[in-house]
Amino acid sequence: MMDSDTPLDLVVLGSGMAGLAAATQASSGGLRLAIVDKGRRIGGRVSTRRADGFTFNHGAQFLTARQDGFISACDKAVAAGALQPWQVAGRDAYCGAPTMRDFPSFLGSGLDIRQGVEITGIERHDGLVALHRADGGTVTAHQAVITAPAPQAMRLLADVAPGLSAAAASAAYAPCWTAMFGFDSDMVPDIMPPIQNRTGPVGWAMWECHRPGPAAITGGALTVQAAPDWSADNLEEDPALVAKAILAAWQVASGLSMDAPAYQAAHRWRYARVTNPADAGTSPLSADGRIAVAGDWLAGARVEDAYMSGLRAVTALADAAG
């Protein structure tokens, strides 16, 4: 279908929260669409990793909802058992049930999502938007929503939508190193609240089994995320050394002395948290109304910001189409 002679009504690049929101909105309007994403799993930074029998929520730790469109999505996910209310970090929030990835999986149910599809360029051709794949194929559609992180969107849109490319260039991110440790479950302490710091190698730390809900994660999985300053200072460091340094710092911060973990890894999120959204007043729409952009880089750092930008992108495209 991806190389069919019949173009799609809409193609969405990216299966993170913005892409899923855009596709859900467009699908409800009866559009023929597909999501393409170079990753293996949907959800973007709302992510979960399973390794050696351990489960780690190694991306977003929780989410909050303040705007009607996102509140509605969260309410439906709670009713379906994909989200669980959680009072954490001094606020009313939600976590995935049982994992964070269950929320995007719920949102993506029924959508045409193609993983492992890398897009290397975007062109306009005969009134259509053509997304060129790394394998030489092409995805064509009447309209497109681009939800890649700002640096990637800037590159992809430089020729086809220079105004949107310039907007993407104005956004900035902070990185995040996430370390994951798997211990014998007998070593896990009693209920222990998250450790939270604004600086240093332990910005957030939590035993996964201490998350709420009747279907909570079991076992001795510990997730530790470094604060932005430490992550930036160590961005190009070897992952094994990063994990070792974070584990040592966590033991000091927690006051716990643990035996060597059975599993240990570190993951580098280069575009973890938006620190400077695109210039205020940026339109998400290209001059010809064929391409829209969406993502947290347009609005703010929260999961909700990314989701709402996806809804706005589809609305802008519909208005442009008349």
C-alpha atoms as a PDB file:
ATOM      1  CA  MET A   1       0.000   0.000   0.000  1.00  0.00           C
ATOM      2  CA  MET A   2       2.866   2.356   0.732  1.00  0.00           C
ATOM      3  CA  ASP A   3       3.831   2.526  -2.955  1.00  0.00           C
ATOM      4  CA  SER A   4       0.289   2.343  -4.314  1.00  0.00           C
ATOM      5  CA  ASP A   5      -0.622   4.470  -7.320  1.00  0.00           C
ATOM      6  CA  THR A   6      -3.446   5.894  -5.225  1.00  0.00           C
ATOM      7  CA  PRO A   7      -2.048   8.489  -2.805  1.00  0.00           C
ATOM      8  CA  LEU A   8      -3.140   8.581   0.804  1.00  0.00           C
ATOM      9  CA  ASP A   9      -5.248  11.431   2.096  1.00  0.00           C
ATOM     10  CA  LEU A  10      -2.719  11.945   4.883  1.00  0.00           C
ATOM     11  CA  VAL A  11       0.640  10.555   5.912  1.00  0.00           C
ATOM     12  CA  VAL A  12       1.917  11.115   9.444  1.00  0.00           C
ATOM     13  CA  LEU A  13       5.644  10.936  10.074  1.00  0.00           C
ATOM     14  CA  GLY A  14       6.288   9.708  13.606  1.00  0.00           C
ATOM     15  CA  SER A  15       4.338   7.469  15.979  1.00  0.00           C
ATOM     16  CA  GLY A  16       4.992   9.446  19.162  1.00  0.00           C
ATOM     17  CA  MET A  17       2.240  11.235  21.010  1.00  0.00           C
ATOM     18  CA  ALA A  18       1.861  14.011  18.426  1.00  0.00           C
ATOM     19  CA  GLY A  19       1.666  11.549  15.548  1.00  0.00           C
ATOM     20  CA  LEU A  20      -0.814   9.303  17.301  1.00  0.00           C
ATOM     21  CA  ALA A  21      -3.026  12.265  18.182  1.00  0.00           C
ATOM     22  CA  ALA A  22      -2.926  13.567  14.615  1.00  0.00           C
ATOM     23  CA  ALA A  23      -3.736  10.168  13.125  1.00  0.00           C
ATOM     24  CA  THR A  24      -6.556   9.499  15.592  1.00  0.00           C
ATOM     25  CA  GLN A  25      -8.121  12.877  14.833  1.00  0.00           C
ATOM     26  CA  ALA A  26      -7.806  12.422  11.079  1.00  0.00           C
ATOM     27  CA  SER A  27      -9.060   8.840  11.182  1.00  0.00           C
ATOM     28  CA  SER A  28     -12.211   9.924  12.969  1.00  0.00           C
ATOM     29  CA  GLY A  29     -12.885  12.151   9.968  1.00  0.00           C
ATOM     30  CA  GLY A  30     -12.722   9.201   7.609  1.00  0.00           C
ATOM     31  CA  LEU A  31      -9.378  10.025   5.973  1.00  0.00           C
ATOM     32  CA  ARG A  32      -7.285   7.299   4.386  1.00  0.00           C
ATOM     33  CA  LEU A  33      -3.990   7.567   6.216  1.00  0.00           C
ATOM     34  CA  ALA A  34      -0.902   5.832   7.509  1.00  0.00           C
ATOM     35  CA  ILE A  35       1.749   6.532  10.117  1.00  0.00           C
ATOM     36  CA  VAL A  36       5.383   5.850   9.225  1.00  0.00           C
ATOM     37  CA  ASP A  37       8.100   5.659  11.859  1.00  0.00           C
ATOM     38  CA  LYS A  38      11.721   4.532  11.786  1.00  0.00           C
ATOM     39  CA  GLY A  39      11.565   2.988  15.273  1.00  0.00           C
ATOM     40  CA  ARG A  40      10.481  -0.490  16.326  1.00  0.00           C
ATOM     41  CA  ARG A  41       7.812   0.618  18.796  1.00  0.00           C
ATOM     42  CA  ILE A  42       5.226   3.375  18.927  1.00  0.00           C
ATOM     43  CA  GLY A  43       5.075   6.022  21.625  1.00  0.00           C
ATOM     44  CA  GLY A  44       8.303   7.934  21.165  1.00  0.00           C
ATOM     45  CA  ARG A  45       9.574   8.967  24.589  1.00  0.00           C
ATOM     46  CA  VAL A  46       6.487   7.439  26.252  1.00  0.00           C
ATOM     47  CA  SER A  47       8.450   4.241  26.213  1.00  0.00           C
ATOM     48  CA  THR A  48       9.114   0.936  27.950  1.00  0.00           C
ATOM     49  CA  ARG A  49      11.984  -1.518  27.611  1.00  0.00           C
ATOM     50  CA  ARG A  50      11.929  -5.214  28.476  1.00  0.00           C
ATOM     51  CA  ALA A  51      15.276  -6.959  28.899  1.00  0.00           C
ATOM     52  CA  ASP A  52      16.473 -10.121  30.650  1.00  0.00           C
ATOM     53  CA  GLY A  53      13.132 -10.527  32.399  1.00  0.00           C
ATOM     54  CA  PHE A  54      13.035  -6.939  33.682  1.00  0.00           C
ATOM     55  CA  THR A  55      10.653  -4.137  32.667  1.00  0.00           C
ATOM     56  CA  PHE A  56      11.770  -0.502  32.671  1.00  0.00           C
ATOM     57  CA  ASN A  57       9.789   2.641  31.913  1.00  0.00           C
ATOM     58  CA  HIS A  58      12.851   4.412  30.580  1.00  0.00           C
ATOM     59  CA  GLY A  59      11.196   7.422  28.943  1.00  0.00           C
ATOM     60  CA  ALA A  60       8.440   9.637  30.363  1.00  0.00           C
ATOM     61  CA  GLN A  61       7.740   8.618  33.950  1.00  0.00           C
ATOM     62  CA  PHE A  62       4.197   9.982  34.184  1.00  0.00           C
ATOM     63  CA  LEU A  63       1.887  12.425  32.444  1.00  0.00           C
ATOM     64  CA  THR A  64      -0.572  15.124  33.430  1.00  0.00           C
ATOM     65  CA  ALA A  65      -3.736  16.354  31.719  1.00  0.00           C
ATOM     66  CA  ARG A  66      -5.059  19.930  31.841  1.00  0.00           C
ATOM     67  CA  GLN A  67      -6.630  20.533  28.407  1.00  0.00           C
ATOM     68  CA  ASP A  68      -9.969  19.107  27.313  1.00  0.00           C
ATOM     69  CA  GLY A  69      -8.693  17.171  24.320  1.00  0.00           C
ATOM     70  CA  PHE A  70      -6.048  15.365  26.327  1.00  0.00           C
ATOM     71  CA  ILE A  71      -8.284  14.895  29.366  1.00  0.00           C
ATOM     72  CA  SER A  72     -10.745  13.088  27.107  1.00  0.00           C
ATOM     73  CA  ALA A  73      -8.017  10.798  25.751  1.00  0.00           C
ATOM     74  CA  CYS A  74      -6.786  10.020  29.259  1.00  0.00           C
ATOM     75  CA  ASP A  75     -10.300   9.311  30.534  1.00  0.00           C
ATOM     76  CA  LYS A  76     -10.817   6.787  27.740  1.00  0.00           C
ATOM     77  CA  ALA A  77      -7.459   5.169  28.480  1.00  0.00           C
ATOM     78  CA  VAL A  78      -8.282   4.891  32.183  1.00  0.00           C
ATOM     79  CA  ALA A  79     -11.621   3.265  31.337  1.00  0.00           C
ATOM     80  CA  ALA A  80      -9.802   0.795  29.081  1.00  0.00           C
ATOM     81  CA  GLY A  81      -7.198   0.012  31.750  1.00  0.00           C
ATOM     82  CA  ALA A  82      -4.286   1.576  29.839  1.00  0.00           C
ATOM     83  CA  LEU A  83      -3.711   4.414  32.340  1.00  0.00           C
ATOM     84  CA  GLN A  84      -3.743   4.508  36.126  1.00  0.00           C
ATOM     85  CA  PRO A  85      -4.225   7.690  38.237  1.00  0.00           C
ATOM     86  CA  TRP A  86      -1.125   8.489  40.277  1.00  0.00           C
ATOM     87  CA  GLN A  87      -0.478  11.170  42.858  1.00  0.00           C
ATOM     88  CA  VAL A  88       3.210  11.862  42.273  1.00  0.00           C
ATOM     89  CA  ALA A  89       5.640  14.773  42.312  1.00  0.00           C
ATOM     90  CA  GLY A  90       3.061  16.842  44.166  1.00  0.00           C
ATOM     91  CA  ARG A  91       0.431  16.661  41.432  1.00  0.00           C
ATOM     92  CA  ASP A  92      -2.445  14.615  40.063  1.00  0.00           C
ATOM     93  CA  ALA A  93      -0.974  12.523  37.289  1.00  0.00           C
ATOM     94  CA  TYR A  94      -1.243   9.236  35.407  1.00  0.00           C
ATOM     95  CA  CYS A  95       1.080   6.358  34.687  1.00  0.00           C
ATOM     96  CA  GLY A  96       0.683   3.597  32.152  1.00  0.00           C
ATOM     97  CA  ALA A  97      -1.061   0.420  33.263  1.00  0.00           C
ATOM     98  CA  PRO A  98       0.995  -1.552  33.727  1.00  0.00           C
ATOM     99  CA  THR A  99       3.661   0.185  31.601  1.00  0.00           C
ATOM    100  CA  MET A 100       3.948   3.627  30.057  1.00  0.00           C
ATOM    101  CA  ARG A 101       3.897   2.133  26.564  1.00  0.00           C
ATOM    102  CA  ASP A 102       0.387   0.798  27.180  1.00  0.00           C
ATOM    103  CA  PHE A 103      -0.975   4.316  26.754  1.00  0.00           C
ATOM    104  CA  PRO A 104       0.352   4.919  23.201  1.00  0.00           C
ATOM    105  CA  SER A 105      -0.532   1.320  22.349  1.00  0.00           C
ATOM    106  CA  PHE A 106      -4.113   2.111  23.327  1.00  0.00           C
ATOM    107  CA  LEU A 107      -4.102   5.303  21.245  1.00  0.00           C
ATOM    108  CA  GLY A 108      -2.659   3.492  18.237  1.00  0.00           C
ATOM    109  CA  SER A 109      -5.146   0.631  18.246  1.00  0.00           C
ATOM    110  CA  GLY A 110      -6.757   0.306  14.834  1.00  0.00           C
ATOM    111  CA  LEU A 111      -4.406   2.735  13.072  1.00  0.00           C
ATOM    112  CA  ASP A 112      -2.236   1.795  10.092  1.00  0.00           C
ATOM    113  CA  ILE A 113       1.245   2.143  11.606  1.00  0.00           C
ATOM    114  CA  ARG A 114       4.358   1.136   9.658  1.00  0.00           C
ATOM    115  CA  GLN A 115       7.462   0.731  11.839  1.00  0.00           C
ATOM    116  CA  GLY A 116      11.032   0.523  10.571  1.00  0.00           C
ATOM    117  CA  VAL A 117      10.374   3.076   7.827  1.00  0.00           C
ATOM    118  CA  GLU A 118      13.069   5.753   7.693  1.00  0.00           C
ATOM    119  CA  ILE A 119      12.263   8.900   5.739  1.00  0.00           C
ATOM    120  CA  THR A 120      15.276  10.613   4.168  1.00  0.00           C
ATOM    121  CA  GLY A 121      13.635  13.453   2.238  1.00  0.00           C
ATOM    122  CA  ILE A 122      10.357  15.236   1.492  1.00  0.00           C
ATOM    123  CA  GLU A 123       9.280  16.774  -1.821  1.00  0.00           C
ATOM    124  CA  ARG A 124       6.160  18.144  -3.465  1.00  0.00           C
ATOM    125  CA  HIS A 125       5.215  16.450  -6.700  1.00  0.00           C
ATOM    126  CA  ASP A 126       2.153  17.117  -8.877  1.00  0.00           C
ATOM    127  CA  GLY A 127       0.241  18.626  -5.965  1.00  0.00           C
ATOM    128  CA  LEU A 128       1.171  15.800  -3.618  1.00  0.00           C
ATOM    129  CA  VAL A 129       3.609  15.418  -0.741  1.00  0.00           C
ATOM    130  CA  ALA A 130       6.197  12.699  -1.379  1.00  0.00           C
ATOM    131  CA  LEU A 131       8.127  11.178   1.520  1.00  0.00           C
ATOM    132  CA  HIS A 132      11.206   9.325   0.270  1.00  0.00           C
ATOM    133  CA  ARG A 133      12.151   6.188   2.181  1.00  0.00           C
ATOM    134  CA  ALA A 134      15.677   5.014   2.911  1.00  0.00           C
ATOM    135  CA  ASP A 135      14.940   1.778   1.010  1.00  0.00           C
ATOM    136  CA  GLY A 136      14.219   3.731  -2.169  1.00  0.00           C
ATOM    137  CA  GLY A 137      10.435   3.675  -1.969  1.00  0.00           C
ATOM    138  CA  THR A 138       8.102   6.641  -1.704  1.00  0.00           C
ATOM    139  CA  VAL A 139       5.016   7.404   0.352  1.00  0.00           C
ATOM    140  CA  THR A 140       2.699   9.924  -1.314  1.00  0.00           C
ATOM    141  CA  ALA A 141      -0.268  11.738   0.157  1.00  0.00           C
ATOM    142  CA  HIS A 142      -2.340  14.846  -0.390  1.00  0.00           C
ATOM    143  CA  GLN A 143      -1.230  16.194   2.992  1.00  0.00           C
ATOM    144  CA  ALA A 144       1.365  15.332   5.632  1.00  0.00           C
ATOM    145  CA  VAL A 145       1.963  15.850   9.332  1.00  0.00           C
ATOM    146  CA  ILE A 146       5.637  15.849  10.339  1.00  0.00           C
ATOM    147  CA  THR A 147       6.217  15.090  14.011  1.00  0.00           C
ATOM    148  CA  ALA A 148       9.966  14.440  14.046  1.00  0.00           C
ATOM    149  CA  PRO A 149      12.097  16.156  16.720  1.00  0.00           C
ATOM    150  CA  ALA A 150      12.946  19.726  15.764  1.00  0.00           C
ATOM    151  CA  PRO A 151      16.503  19.069  14.456  1.00  0.00           C
ATOM    152  CA  GLN A 152      15.241  16.319  12.167  1.00  0.00           C
ATOM    153  CA  ALA A 153      12.188  18.326  11.071  1.00  0.00           C
ATOM    154  CA  MET A 154      14.453  21.263  10.283  1.00  0.00           C
ATOM    155  CA  ARG A 155      16.534  19.117   7.941  1.00  0.00           C
ATOM    156  CA  LEU A 156      13.639  17.330   6.257  1.00  0.00           C
ATOM    157  CA  LEU A 157      11.663  20.529   5.637  1.00  0.00           C
ATOM    158  CA  ALA A 158      14.517  22.840   4.612  1.00  0.00           C
ATOM    159  CA  ASP A 159      13.649  22.745   0.901  1.00  0.00           C
ATOM    160  CA  VAL A 160       9.979  21.829   0.857  1.00  0.00           C
ATOM    161  CA  ALA A 161       8.755  24.111   3.676  1.00  0.00           C
ATOM    162  CA  PRO A 162      11.490  26.599   4.636  1.00  0.00           C
ATOM    163  CA  GLY A 163       9.237  28.536   6.996  1.00  0.00           C
ATOM    164  CA  LEU A 164       8.515  25.446   9.073  1.00  0.00           C
ATOM    165  CA  SER A 165      12.182  24.495   8.929  1.00  0.00           C
ATOM    166  CA  ALA A 166      13.133  27.884  10.346  1.00  0.00           C
ATOM    167  CA  ALA A 167      10.585  27.468  13.131  1.00  0.00           C
ATOM    168  CA  ALA A 168      12.082  24.109  14.032  1.00  0.00           C
ATOM    169  CA  ALA A 169      15.532  25.685  14.149  1.00  0.00           C
ATOM    170  CA  SER A 170      14.365  28.027  16.908  1.00  0.00           C
ATOM    171  CA  ALA A 171      13.525  25.184  19.330  1.00  0.00           C
ATOM    172  CA  ALA A 172      15.964  23.699  21.834  1.00  0.00           C
ATOM    173  CA  TYR A 173      16.097  20.542  23.944  1.00  0.00           C
ATOM    174  CA  ALA A 174      17.828  19.176  27.016  1.00  0.00           C
ATOM    175  CA  PRO A 175      19.083  15.574  26.819  1.00  0.00           C
ATOM    176  CA  CYS A 176      18.571  12.806  29.360  1.00  0.00           C
ATOM    177  CA  TRP A 177      20.598   9.738  30.248  1.00  0.00           C
ATOM    178  CA  THR A 178      18.430   6.926  31.606  1.00  0.00           C
ATOM    179  CA  ALA A 179      20.064   4.033  33.425  1.00  0.00           C
ATOM    180  CA  MET A 180      18.340   0.692  34.005  1.00  0.00           C
ATOM    181  CA  PHE A 181      19.328  -1.858  36.633  1.00  0.00           C
ATOM    182  CA  GLY A 182      17.882  -5.291  37.296  1.00  0.00           C
ATOM    183  CA  PHE A 183      18.307  -6.787  40.768  1.00  0.00           C
ATOM    184  CA  ASP A 184      17.068  -9.885  42.529  1.00  0.00           C
ATOM    185  CA  SER A 185      13.535  -9.082  43.655  1.00  0.00           C
ATOM    186  CA  ASP A 186      14.437 -10.038  47.238  1.00  0.00           C
ATOM    187  CA  MET A 187      16.718  -7.013  47.351  1.00  0.00           C
ATOM    188  CA  VAL A 188      13.954  -4.494  46.665  1.00  0.00           C
ATOM    189  CA  PRO A 189      13.133  -2.375  49.742  1.00  0.00           C
ATOM    190  CA  ASP A 190       9.639  -1.694  51.007  1.00  0.00           C
ATOM    191  CA  ILE A 191       7.611   1.038  49.333  1.00  0.00           C
ATOM    192  CA  MET A 192      10.005   3.862  48.564  1.00  0.00           C
ATOM    193  CA  PRO A 193       8.940   7.176  46.969  1.00  0.00           C
ATOM    194  CA  PRO A 194      10.779   8.429  43.887  1.00  0.00           C
ATOM    195  CA  ILE A 195      14.034  10.297  44.398  1.00  0.00           C
ATOM    196  CA  GLN A 196      13.849  13.675  42.646  1.00  0.00           C
ATOM    197  CA  ASN A 197      16.616  16.238  42.139  1.00  0.00           C
ATOM    198  CA  ARG A 198      16.994  19.141  39.730  1.00  0.00           C
ATOM    199  CA  THR A 199      20.701  18.562  39.137  1.00  0.00           C
ATOM    200  CA  GLY A 200      23.235  15.773  39.087  1.00  0.00           C
ATOM    201  CA  PRO A 201      23.338  12.122  38.045  1.00  0.00           C
ATOM    202  CA  VAL A 202      20.140  11.204  39.926  1.00  0.00           C
ATOM    203  CA  GLY A 203      17.335  13.454  38.714  1.00  0.00           C
ATOM    204  CA  TRP A 204      14.682  10.759  39.130  1.00  0.00           C
ATOM    205  CA  ALA A 205      14.926   7.264  40.534  1.00  0.00           C
ATOM    206  CA  MET A 206      12.235   4.682  41.175  1.00  0.00           C
ATOM    207  CA  TRP A 207      11.743   0.977  41.614  1.00  0.00           C
ATOM    208  CA  GLU A 208       9.317  -0.064  38.888  1.00  0.00           C
ATOM    209  CA  CYS A 209       7.423  -2.362  41.272  1.00  0.00           C
ATOM    210  CA  HIS A 210       6.520   0.682  43.397  1.00  0.00           C
ATOM    211  CA  ARG A 211       4.331   2.164  40.684  1.00  0.00           C
ATOM    212  CA  PRO A 212       0.593   2.109  41.490  1.00  0.00           C
ATOM    213  CA  GLY A 213      -2.118  -0.158  40.197  1.00  0.00           C
ATOM    214  CA  PRO A 214      -3.325  -3.735  40.592  1.00  0.00           C
ATOM    215  CA  ALA A 215      -1.265  -4.796  37.562  1.00  0.00           C
ATOM    216  CA  ALA A 216       1.915  -3.043  38.673  1.00  0.00           C
ATOM    217  CA  ILE A 217       5.290  -4.215  37.375  1.00  0.00           C
ATOM    218  CA  THR A 218       6.917  -6.906  39.485  1.00  0.00           C
ATOM    219  CA  GLY A 219      10.574  -7.769  40.017  1.00  0.00           C
ATOM    220  CA  GLY A 220      13.697  -5.833  40.873  1.00  0.00           C
ATOM    221  CA  ALA A 221      13.829  -3.273  38.059  1.00  0.00           C
ATOM    222  CA  LEU A 222      15.229   0.153  38.985  1.00  0.00           C
ATOM    223  CA  THR A 223      15.087   3.121  36.614  1.00  0.00           C
ATOM    224  CA  VAL A 224      17.289   6.168  37.224  1.00  0.00           C
ATOM    225  CA  GLN A 225      17.263   9.280  35.052  1.00  0.00           C
ATOM    226  CA  ALA A 226      20.011  11.871  35.248  1.00  0.00           C
ATOM    227  CA  ALA A 227      19.123  15.560  35.455  1.00  0.00           C
ATOM    228  CA  PRO A 228      19.577  17.713  32.332  1.00  0.00           C
ATOM    229  CA  ASP A 229      22.839  19.344  33.441  1.00  0.00           C
ATOM    230  CA  TRP A 230      24.610  16.052  34.114  1.00  0.00           C
ATOM    231  CA  SER A 231      23.170  14.484  30.974  1.00  0.00           C
ATOM    232  CA  ALA A 232      24.449  17.356  28.823  1.00  0.00           C
ATOM    233  CA  ASP A 233      27.897  17.271  30.416  1.00  0.00           C
ATOM    234  CA  ASN A 234      28.162  13.519  29.762  1.00  0.00           C
ATOM    235  CA  LEU A 235      26.197  13.307  26.515  1.00  0.00           C
ATOM    236  CA  GLU A 236      28.896  11.585  24.459  1.00  0.00           C
ATOM    237  CA  GLU A 237      30.194   9.347  27.259  1.00  0.00           C
ATOM    238  CA  ASP A 238      30.238   5.564  26.869  1.00  0.00           C
ATOM    239  CA  PRO A 239      26.875   4.094  28.002  1.00  0.00           C
ATOM    240  CA  ALA A 240      28.560   1.491  30.218  1.00  0.00           C
ATOM    241  CA  LEU A 241      30.480   4.188  32.078  1.00  0.00           C
ATOM    242  CA  VAL A 242      27.341   6.293  32.380  1.00  0.00           C
ATOM    243  CA  ALA A 243      25.428   3.391  33.957  1.00  0.00           C
ATOM    244  CA  LYS A 244      28.267   2.745  36.379  1.00  0.00           C
ATOM    245  CA  ALA A 245      28.437   6.403  37.458  1.00  0.00           C
ATOM    246  CA  ILE A 246      24.674   6.702  37.868  1.00  0.00           C
ATOM    247  CA  LEU A 247      24.489   3.515  39.942  1.00  0.00           C
ATOM    248  CA  ALA A 248      27.184   4.780  42.305  1.00  0.00           C
ATOM    249  CA  ALA A 249      25.405   8.127  42.681  1.00  0.00           C
ATOM    250  CA  TRP A 250      22.050   6.422  43.257  1.00  0.00           C
ATOM    251  CA  GLN A 251      23.451   4.301  46.074  1.00  0.00           C
ATOM    252  CA  VAL A 252      24.626   7.489  47.797  1.00  0.00           C
ATOM    253  CA  ALA A 253      21.312   9.285  47.193  1.00  0.00           C
ATOM    254  CA  SER A 254      19.186   6.347  48.368  1.00  0.00           C
ATOM    255  CA  GLY A 255      21.401   5.239  51.230  1.00  0.00           C
ATOM    256  CA  LEU A 256      21.217   1.676  49.888  1.00  0.00           C
ATOM    257  CA  SER A 257      24.184  -0.551  49.212  1.00  0.00           C
ATOM    258  CA  MET A 258      23.286  -3.179  46.637  1.00  0.00           C
ATOM    259  CA  ASP A 259      25.044  -6.189  45.191  1.00  0.00           C
ATOM    260  CA  ALA A 260      25.995  -5.928  41.523  1.00  0.00           C
ATOM    261  CA  PRO A 261      22.883  -5.872  39.319  1.00  0.00           C
ATOM    262  CA  ALA A 262      22.053  -8.808  37.088  1.00  0.00           C
ATOM    263  CA  TYR A 263      21.214  -6.368  34.289  1.00  0.00           C
ATOM    264  CA  GLN A 264      22.633  -2.920  33.619  1.00  0.00           C
ATOM    265  CA  ALA A 265      22.249  -0.549  30.667  1.00  0.00           C
ATOM    266  CA  ALA A 266      21.996   3.125  29.812  1.00  0.00           C
ATOM    267  CA  HIS A 267      19.951   4.850  27.119  1.00  0.00           C
ATOM    268  CA  ARG A 268      20.671   8.337  25.768  1.00  0.00           C
ATOM    269  CA  TRP A 269      17.692  10.531  24.893  1.00  0.00           C
ATOM    270  CA  ARG A 270      19.152  13.390  22.858  1.00  0.00           C
ATOM    271  CA  TYR A 271      15.823  15.219  22.593  1.00  0.00           C
ATOM    272  CA  ALA A 272      14.335  14.453  25.980  1.00  0.00           C
ATOM    273  CA  ARG A 273      12.794  17.713  27.146  1.00  0.00           C
ATOM    274  CA  VAL A 274      11.983  20.926  25.299  1.00  0.00           C
ATOM    275  CA  THR A 275      13.700  23.853  27.002  1.00  0.00           C
ATOM    276  CA  ASN A 276      12.866  26.473  24.393  1.00  0.00           C
ATOM    277  CA  PRO A 277       9.760  25.932  22.223  1.00  0.00           C
ATOM    278  CA  ALA A 278       9.569  27.348  18.724  1.00  0.00           C
ATOM    279  CA  ASP A 279       9.073  31.077  18.407  1.00  0.00           C
ATOM    280  CA  ALA A 280       5.722  32.229  19.773  1.00  0.00           C
ATOM    281  CA  GLY A 281       3.040  32.571  17.126  1.00  0.00           C
ATOM    282  CA  THR A 282       4.575  29.939  14.848  1.00  0.00           C
ATOM    283  CA  SER A 283       1.988  28.534  12.454  1.00  0.00           C
ATOM    284  CA  PRO A 284       2.074  24.735  12.179  1.00  0.00           C
ATOM    285  CA  LEU A 285       1.149  24.949   8.487  1.00  0.00           C
ATOM    286  CA  SER A 286       3.227  25.331   5.320  1.00  0.00           C
ATOM    287  CA  ALA A 287       2.428  28.148   2.917  1.00  0.00           C
ATOM    288  CA  ASP A 288       0.494  25.868   0.538  1.00  0.00           C
ATOM    289  CA  GLY A 289      -1.464  24.107   3.270  1.00  0.00           C
ATOM    290  CA  ARG A 290      -0.075  20.678   2.363  1.00  0.00           C
ATOM    291  CA  ILE A 291       2.284  20.098   5.295  1.00  0.00           C
ATOM    292  CA  ALA A 292       1.806  20.639   9.024  1.00  0.00           C
ATOM    293  CA  VAL A 293       4.239  20.114  11.872  1.00  0.00           C
ATOM    294  CA  ALA A 294       3.475  18.844  15.358  1.00  0.00           C
ATOM    295  CA  GLY A 295       5.439  17.960  18.458  1.00  0.00           C
ATOM    296  CA  ASP A 296       6.333  19.187  21.892  1.00  0.00           C
ATOM    297  CA  TRP A 297       8.903  21.539  20.326  1.00  0.00           C
ATOM    298  CA  LEU A 298       5.987  23.710  19.212  1.00  0.00           C
ATOM    299  CA  ALA A 299       4.322  24.000  22.589  1.00  0.00           C
ATOM    300  CA  GLY A 300       6.217  22.770  25.656  1.00  0.00           C
ATOM    301  CA  ALA A 301       7.859  19.897  27.468  1.00  0.00           C
ATOM    302  CA  ARG A 302       4.883  17.821  28.582  1.00  0.00           C
ATOM    303  CA  VAL A 303       3.367  14.749  26.948  1.00  0.00           C
ATOM    304  CA  GLU A 304       0.130  16.713  26.791  1.00  0.00           C
ATOM    305  CA  ASP A 305       1.807  19.458  24.746  1.00  0.00           C
ATOM    306  CA  ALA A 306       2.869  16.970  22.091  1.00  0.00           C
ATOM    307  CA  TYR A 307      -0.577  15.382  21.941  1.00  0.00           C
ATOM    308  CA  MET A 308      -2.423  18.685  21.618  1.00  0.00           C
ATOM    309  CA  SER A 309      -0.076  19.879  18.887  1.00  0.00           C
ATOM    310  CA  GLY A 310      -1.048  16.818  16.852  1.00  0.00           C
ATOM    311  CA  LEU A 311      -4.722  17.734  17.119  1.00  0.00           C
ATOM    312  CA  ARG A 312      -3.986  21.320  16.098  1.00  0.00           C
ATOM    313  CA  ALA A 313      -1.972  20.188  13.085  1.00  0.00           C
ATOM    314  CA  VAL A 314      -4.842  18.140  11.666  1.00  0.00           C
ATOM    315  CA  THR A 315      -7.306  20.960  12.316  1.00  0.00           C
ATOM    316  CA  ALA A 316      -5.021  23.378  10.454  1.00  0.00           C
ATOM    317  CA  LEU A 317      -4.757  21.019   7.476  1.00  0.00           C
ATOM    318  CA  ALA A 318      -8.532  20.554   7.369  1.00  0.00           C
ATOM    319  CA  ASP A 319      -9.087  24.304   7.434  1.00  0.00           C
ATOM    320  CA  ALA A 320      -6.567  24.772   4.621  1.00  0.00           C
ATOM    321  CA  ALA A 321      -8.275  22.122   2.517  1.00  0.00           C
ATOM    322  CA  GLY A 322     -11.575  23.936   2.957  1.00  0.00           C
END
